[in-house]
Amino acid sequence: MKWLLRRCVNCGRYTLRRDKCPVCGGMVRVPHPPRFSPEDRYLRYRYLMKKQSGKLPE
């Protein structure tokens, strides 16, 4: 299923456009989190990247 709804990073408004926000011209992203799977093959790598970037406490 493809998500149609997008959210602007700058102003936080929702839109259906894929390229930019119609109000402020900012970048838009999909506001939905990725699906969770207990058999996630890339969990270790995401954890290490967050730890290296400082988003997780050591």
PDB file of N, CA and C in Angstrom:
ATOM      1  N   MET A   1       0.839  -1.174   0.000  1.00  0.00           N
ATOM      2  CA  MET A   1       0.000   0.000   0.000  1.00  0.00           C
ATOM      3  C   MET A   1       0.886   1.240   0.000  1.00  0.00           C
ATOM      4  N   LYS A   2       0.589   2.146  -0.887  1.00  0.00           N
ATOM      5  CA  LYS A   2       1.359   3.382  -0.963  1.00  0.00           C
ATOM      6  C   LYS A   2       0.662   4.459  -0.147  1.00  0.00           C
ATOM      7  N   TRP A   3       1.451   5.193   0.603  1.00  0.00           N
ATOM      8  CA  TRP A   3       0.899   6.281   1.397  1.00  0.00           C
ATOM      9  C   TRP A   3       0.818   7.527   0.529  1.00  0.00           C
ATOM     10  N   LEU A   4      -0.323   8.171   0.502  1.00  0.00           N
ATOM     11  CA  LEU A   4      -0.517   9.373  -0.284  1.00  0.00           C
ATOM     12  C   LEU A   4      -0.241  10.628   0.530  1.00  0.00           C
ATOM     13  N   LEU A   5      -0.496  10.561   1.803  1.00  0.00           N
ATOM     14  CA  LEU A   5      -0.375  11.729   2.656  1.00  0.00           C
ATOM     15  C   LEU A   5       1.083  12.036   2.963  1.00  0.00           C
ATOM     16  N   ARG A   6       1.452  13.298   2.873  1.00  0.00           N
ATOM     17  CA  ARG A   6       2.808  13.764   3.187  1.00  0.00           C
ATOM     18  C   ARG A   6       2.706  14.897   4.197  1.00  0.00           C
ATOM     19  N   ARG A   7       3.807  15.118   4.931  1.00  0.00           N
ATOM     20  CA  ARG A   7       3.839  16.188   5.922  1.00  0.00           C
ATOM     21  C   ARG A   7       5.072  17.047   5.699  1.00  0.00           C
ATOM     22  N   CYS A   8       4.893  18.355   5.774  1.00  0.00           N
ATOM     23  CA  CYS A   8       5.987  19.293   5.566  1.00  0.00           C
ATOM     24  C   CYS A   8       6.913  19.282   6.780  1.00  0.00           C
ATOM     25  N   VAL A   9       8.217  19.299   6.515  1.00  0.00           N
ATOM     26  CA  VAL A   9       9.207  19.285   7.581  1.00  0.00           C
ATOM     27  C   VAL A   9       9.265  20.656   8.260  1.00  0.00           C
ATOM     28  N   ASN A  10       9.074  21.730   7.503  1.00  0.00           N
ATOM     29  CA  ASN A  10       9.199  23.085   8.052  1.00  0.00           C
ATOM     30  C   ASN A  10       7.959  23.542   8.817  1.00  0.00           C
ATOM     31  N   CYS A  11       6.796  23.534   8.161  1.00  0.00           N
ATOM     32  CA  CYS A  11       5.602  24.103   8.791  1.00  0.00           C
ATOM     33  C   CYS A  11       4.692  23.063   9.427  1.00  0.00           C
ATOM     34  N   GLY A  12       4.879  21.770   9.107  1.00  0.00           N
ATOM     35  CA  GLY A  12       4.096  20.714   9.736  1.00  0.00           C
ATOM     36  C   GLY A  12       2.731  20.489   9.126  1.00  0.00           C
ATOM     37  N   ARG A  13       2.426  21.117   8.006  1.00  0.00           N
ATOM     38  CA  ARG A  13       1.126  20.922   7.364  1.00  0.00           C
ATOM     39  C   ARG A  13       1.136  19.669   6.506  1.00  0.00           C
ATOM     40  N   TYR A  14      -0.047  19.088   6.343  1.00  0.00           N
ATOM     41  CA  TYR A  14      -0.198  17.887   5.540  1.00  0.00           C
ATOM     42  C   TYR A  14      -0.598  18.246   4.119  1.00  0.00           C
ATOM     43  N   THR A  15      -0.123  17.442   3.160  1.00  0.00           N
ATOM     44  CA  THR A  15      -0.411  17.683   1.759  1.00  0.00           C
ATOM     45  C   THR A  15      -0.397  16.367   0.995  1.00  0.00           C
ATOM     46  N   LEU A  16      -0.915  16.382  -0.224  1.00  0.00           N
ATOM     47  CA  LEU A  16      -0.859  15.223  -1.100  1.00  0.00           C
ATOM     48  C   LEU A  16       0.244  15.350  -2.131  1.00  0.00           C
ATOM     49  N   ARG A  17       0.885  16.498  -2.187  1.00  0.00           N
ATOM     50  CA  ARG A  17       1.968  16.700  -3.139  1.00  0.00           C
ATOM     51  C   ARG A  17       3.201  15.942  -2.696  1.00  0.00           C
ATOM     52  N   ARG A  18       3.992  15.478  -3.665  1.00  0.00           N
ATOM     53  CA  ARG A  18       5.172  14.674  -3.355  1.00  0.00           C
ATOM     54  C   ARG A  18       6.470  15.470  -3.424  1.00  0.00           C
ATOM     55  N   ASP A  19       6.484  16.596  -4.102  1.00  0.00           N
ATOM     56  CA  ASP A  19       7.740  17.303  -4.315  1.00  0.00           C
ATOM     57  C   ASP A  19       8.052  18.350  -3.255  1.00  0.00           C
ATOM     58  N   LYS A  20       7.082  19.218  -2.923  1.00  0.00           N
ATOM     59  CA  LYS A  20       7.319  20.264  -1.934  1.00  0.00           C
ATOM     60  C   LYS A  20       6.004  20.720  -1.324  1.00  0.00           C
ATOM     61  N   CYS A  21       6.101  21.436  -0.224  1.00  0.00           N
ATOM     62  CA  CYS A  21       4.928  21.950   0.477  1.00  0.00           C
ATOM     63  C   CYS A  21       4.319  23.097  -0.336  1.00  0.00           C
ATOM     64  N   PRO A  22       2.998  23.097  -0.549  1.00  0.00           N
ATOM     65  CA  PRO A  22       2.389  24.184  -1.303  1.00  0.00           C
ATOM     66  C   PRO A  22       2.329  25.498  -0.529  1.00  0.00           C
ATOM     67  N   VAL A  23       2.480  25.457   0.787  1.00  0.00           N
ATOM     68  CA  VAL A  23       2.381  26.669   1.601  1.00  0.00           C
ATOM     69  C   VAL A  23       3.738  27.358   1.743  1.00  0.00           C
ATOM     70  N   CYS A  24       4.747  26.621   2.203  1.00  0.00           N
ATOM     71  CA  CYS A  24       6.045  27.239   2.478  1.00  0.00           C
ATOM     72  C   CYS A  24       7.146  26.802   1.515  1.00  0.00           C
ATOM     73  N   GLY A  25       6.899  25.771   0.700  1.00  0.00           N
ATOM     74  CA  GLY A  25       7.906  25.294  -0.241  1.00  0.00           C
ATOM     75  C   GLY A  25       8.944  24.375   0.370  1.00  0.00           C
ATOM     76  N   GLY A  26       8.710  23.900   1.584  1.00  0.00           N
ATOM     77  CA  GLY A  26       9.662  23.022   2.268  1.00  0.00           C
ATOM     78  C   GLY A  26       9.571  21.589   1.790  1.00  0.00           C
ATOM     79  N   MET A  27      10.502  20.776   2.257  1.00  0.00           N
ATOM     80  CA  MET A  27      10.554  19.366   1.893  1.00  0.00           C
ATOM     81  C   MET A  27       9.433  18.606   2.609  1.00  0.00           C
ATOM     82  N   VAL A  28       8.838  17.627   1.927  1.00  0.00           N
ATOM     83  CA  VAL A  28       7.774  16.821   2.523  1.00  0.00           C
ATOM     84  C   VAL A  28       8.252  15.389   2.714  1.00  0.00           C
ATOM     85  N   ARG A  29       7.729  14.729   3.749  1.00  0.00           N
ATOM     86  CA  ARG A  29       8.061  13.340   4.061  1.00  0.00           C
ATOM     87  C   ARG A  29       6.798  12.591   4.430  1.00  0.00           C
ATOM     88  N   VAL A  30       6.882  11.271   4.383  1.00  0.00           N
ATOM     89  CA  VAL A  30       5.772  10.416   4.797  1.00  0.00           C
ATOM     90  C   VAL A  30       5.713  10.451   6.324  1.00  0.00           C
ATOM     91  N   PRO A  31       4.558  10.790   6.918  1.00  0.00           N
ATOM     92  CA  PRO A  31       4.483  10.916   8.381  1.00  0.00           C
ATOM     93  C   PRO A  31       4.298   9.595   9.121  1.00  0.00           C
ATOM     94  N   HIS A  32       4.101   8.501   8.405  1.00  0.00           N
ATOM     95  CA  HIS A  32       3.833   7.218   9.041  1.00  0.00           C
ATOM     96  C   HIS A  32       5.137   6.482   9.361  1.00  0.00           C
ATOM     97  N   PRO A  33       5.215   5.846  10.519  1.00  0.00           N
ATOM     98  CA  PRO A  33       6.423   5.063  10.846  1.00  0.00           C
ATOM     99  C   PRO A  33       6.463   3.789  10.016  1.00  0.00           C
ATOM    100  N   PRO A  34       7.642   3.206   9.822  1.00  0.00           N
ATOM    101  CA  PRO A  34       7.719   1.940   9.078  1.00  0.00           C
ATOM    102  C   PRO A  34       7.051   0.816   9.863  1.00  0.00           C
ATOM    103  N   ARG A  35       6.629  -0.199   9.158  1.00  0.00           N
ATOM    104  CA  ARG A  35       5.991  -1.333   9.812  1.00  0.00           C
ATOM    105  C   ARG A  35       6.985  -2.069  10.689  1.00  0.00           C
ATOM    106  N   PHE A  36       6.495  -2.575  11.822  1.00  0.00           N
ATOM    107  CA  PHE A  36       7.345  -3.291  12.760  1.00  0.00           C
ATOM    108  C   PHE A  36       7.325  -4.776  12.438  1.00  0.00           C
ATOM    109  N   SER A  37       8.480  -5.396  12.506  1.00  0.00           N
ATOM    110  CA  SER A  37       8.582  -6.832  12.323  1.00  0.00           C
ATOM    111  C   SER A  37       9.548  -7.374  13.372  1.00  0.00           C
ATOM    112  N   PRO A  38       9.156  -8.402  14.111  1.00  0.00           N
ATOM    113  CA  PRO A  38      10.078  -8.973  15.090  1.00  0.00           C
ATOM    114  C   PRO A  38      11.268  -9.665  14.426  1.00  0.00           C
ATOM    115  N   GLU A  39      11.174  -9.959  13.148  1.00  0.00           N
ATOM    116  CA  GLU A  39      12.260 -10.600  12.415  1.00  0.00           C
ATOM    117  C   GLU A  39      13.021  -9.576  11.574  1.00  0.00           C
ATOM    118  N   ASP A  40      13.253  -8.406  12.131  1.00  0.00           N
ATOM    119  CA  ASP A  40      13.917  -7.324  11.411  1.00  0.00           C
ATOM    120  C   ASP A  40      15.399  -7.636  11.238  1.00  0.00           C
ATOM    121  N   ARG A  41      15.845  -7.674   9.979  1.00  0.00           N
ATOM    122  CA  ARG A  41      17.237  -8.018   9.692  1.00  0.00           C
ATOM    123  C   ARG A  41      18.186  -6.843   9.894  1.00  0.00           C
ATOM    124  N   TYR A  42      17.684  -5.626   9.878  1.00  0.00           N
ATOM    125  CA  TYR A  42      18.543  -4.450   9.919  1.00  0.00           C
ATOM    126  C   TYR A  42      18.487  -3.710  11.255  1.00  0.00           C
ATOM    127  N   LEU A  43      17.881  -4.314  12.259  1.00  0.00           N
ATOM    128  CA  LEU A  43      17.754  -3.673  13.563  1.00  0.00           C
ATOM    129  C   LEU A  43      19.117  -3.344  14.161  1.00  0.00           C
ATOM    130  N   ARG A  44      20.052  -4.250  14.065  1.00  0.00           N
ATOM    131  CA  ARG A  44      21.384  -4.030  14.628  1.00  0.00           C
ATOM    132  C   ARG A  44      22.058  -2.813  13.988  1.00  0.00           C
ATOM    133  N   TYR A  45      21.933  -2.681  12.687  1.00  0.00           N
ATOM    134  CA  TYR A  45      22.581  -1.573  11.978  1.00  0.00           C
ATOM    135  C   TYR A  45      21.933  -0.229  12.310  1.00  0.00           C
ATOM    136  N   ARG A  46      20.600  -0.204  12.395  1.00  0.00           N
ATOM    137  CA  ARG A  46      19.923   1.049  12.766  1.00  0.00           C
ATOM    138  C   ARG A  46      20.294   1.460  14.188  1.00  0.00           C
ATOM    139  N   TYR A  47      20.388   0.482  15.081  1.00  0.00           N
ATOM    140  CA  TYR A  47      20.767   0.749  16.461  1.00  0.00           C
ATOM    141  C   TYR A  47      22.177   1.337  16.531  1.00  0.00           C
ATOM    142  N   LEU A  48      23.119   0.750  15.787  1.00  0.00           N
ATOM    143  CA  LEU A  48      24.489   1.251  15.787  1.00  0.00           C
ATOM    144  C   LEU A  48      24.575   2.665  15.211  1.00  0.00           C
ATOM    145  N   MET A  49      23.819   2.951  14.157  1.00  0.00           N
ATOM    146  CA  MET A  49      23.836   4.280  13.548  1.00  0.00           C
ATOM    147  C   MET A  49      23.274   5.325  14.516  1.00  0.00           C
ATOM    148  N   LYS A  50      22.191   4.989  15.211  1.00  0.00           N
ATOM    149  CA  LYS A  50      21.636   5.924  16.198  1.00  0.00           C
ATOM    150  C   LYS A  50      22.590   6.145  17.353  1.00  0.00           C
ATOM    151  N   LYS A  51      23.275   5.095  17.767  1.00  0.00           N
ATOM    152  CA  LYS A  51      24.229   5.201  18.869  1.00  0.00           C
ATOM    153  C   LYS A  51      25.421   6.071  18.475  1.00  0.00           C
ATOM    154  N   GLN A  52      25.913   5.901  17.241  1.00  0.00           N
ATOM    155  CA  GLN A  52      27.042   6.698  16.761  1.00  0.00           C
ATOM    156  C   GLN A  52      26.670   8.162  16.560  1.00  0.00           C
ATOM    157  N   SER A  53      25.424   8.435  16.174  1.00  0.00           N
ATOM    158  CA  SER A  53      25.021   9.816  15.941  1.00  0.00           C
ATOM    159  C   SER A  53      24.679  10.554  17.236  1.00  0.00           C
ATOM    160  N   GLY A  54      24.583   9.821  18.348  1.00  0.00           N
ATOM    161  CA  GLY A  54      24.328  10.454  19.633  1.00  0.00           C
ATOM    162  C   GLY A  54      22.860  10.531  19.997  1.00  0.00           C
ATOM    163  N   LYS A  55      21.992   9.875  19.239  1.00  0.00           N
ATOM    164  CA  LYS A  55      20.565   9.912  19.531  1.00  0.00           C
ATOM    165  C   LYS A  55      20.176   8.958  20.640  1.00  0.00           C
ATOM    166  N   LEU A  56      21.045   7.980  20.949  1.00  0.00           N
ATOM    167  CA  LEU A  56      20.798   7.040  22.036  1.00  0.00           C
ATOM    168  C   LEU A  56      21.844   7.245  23.124  1.00  0.00           C
ATOM    169  N   PRO A  57      21.434   7.182  24.388  1.00  0.00           N
ATOM    170  CA  PRO A  57      22.438   7.279  25.451  1.00  0.00           C
ATOM    171  C   PRO A  57      23.276   6.010  25.510  1.00  0.00           C
ATOM    172  N   GLU A  58      24.510   6.164  25.889  1.00  0.00           N
ATOM    173  CA  GLU A  58      25.418   5.002  25.956  1.00  0.00           C
ATOM    174  C   GLU A  58      25.362   4.323  27.286  1.00  0.00           C
TER     175      GLU A  58
END
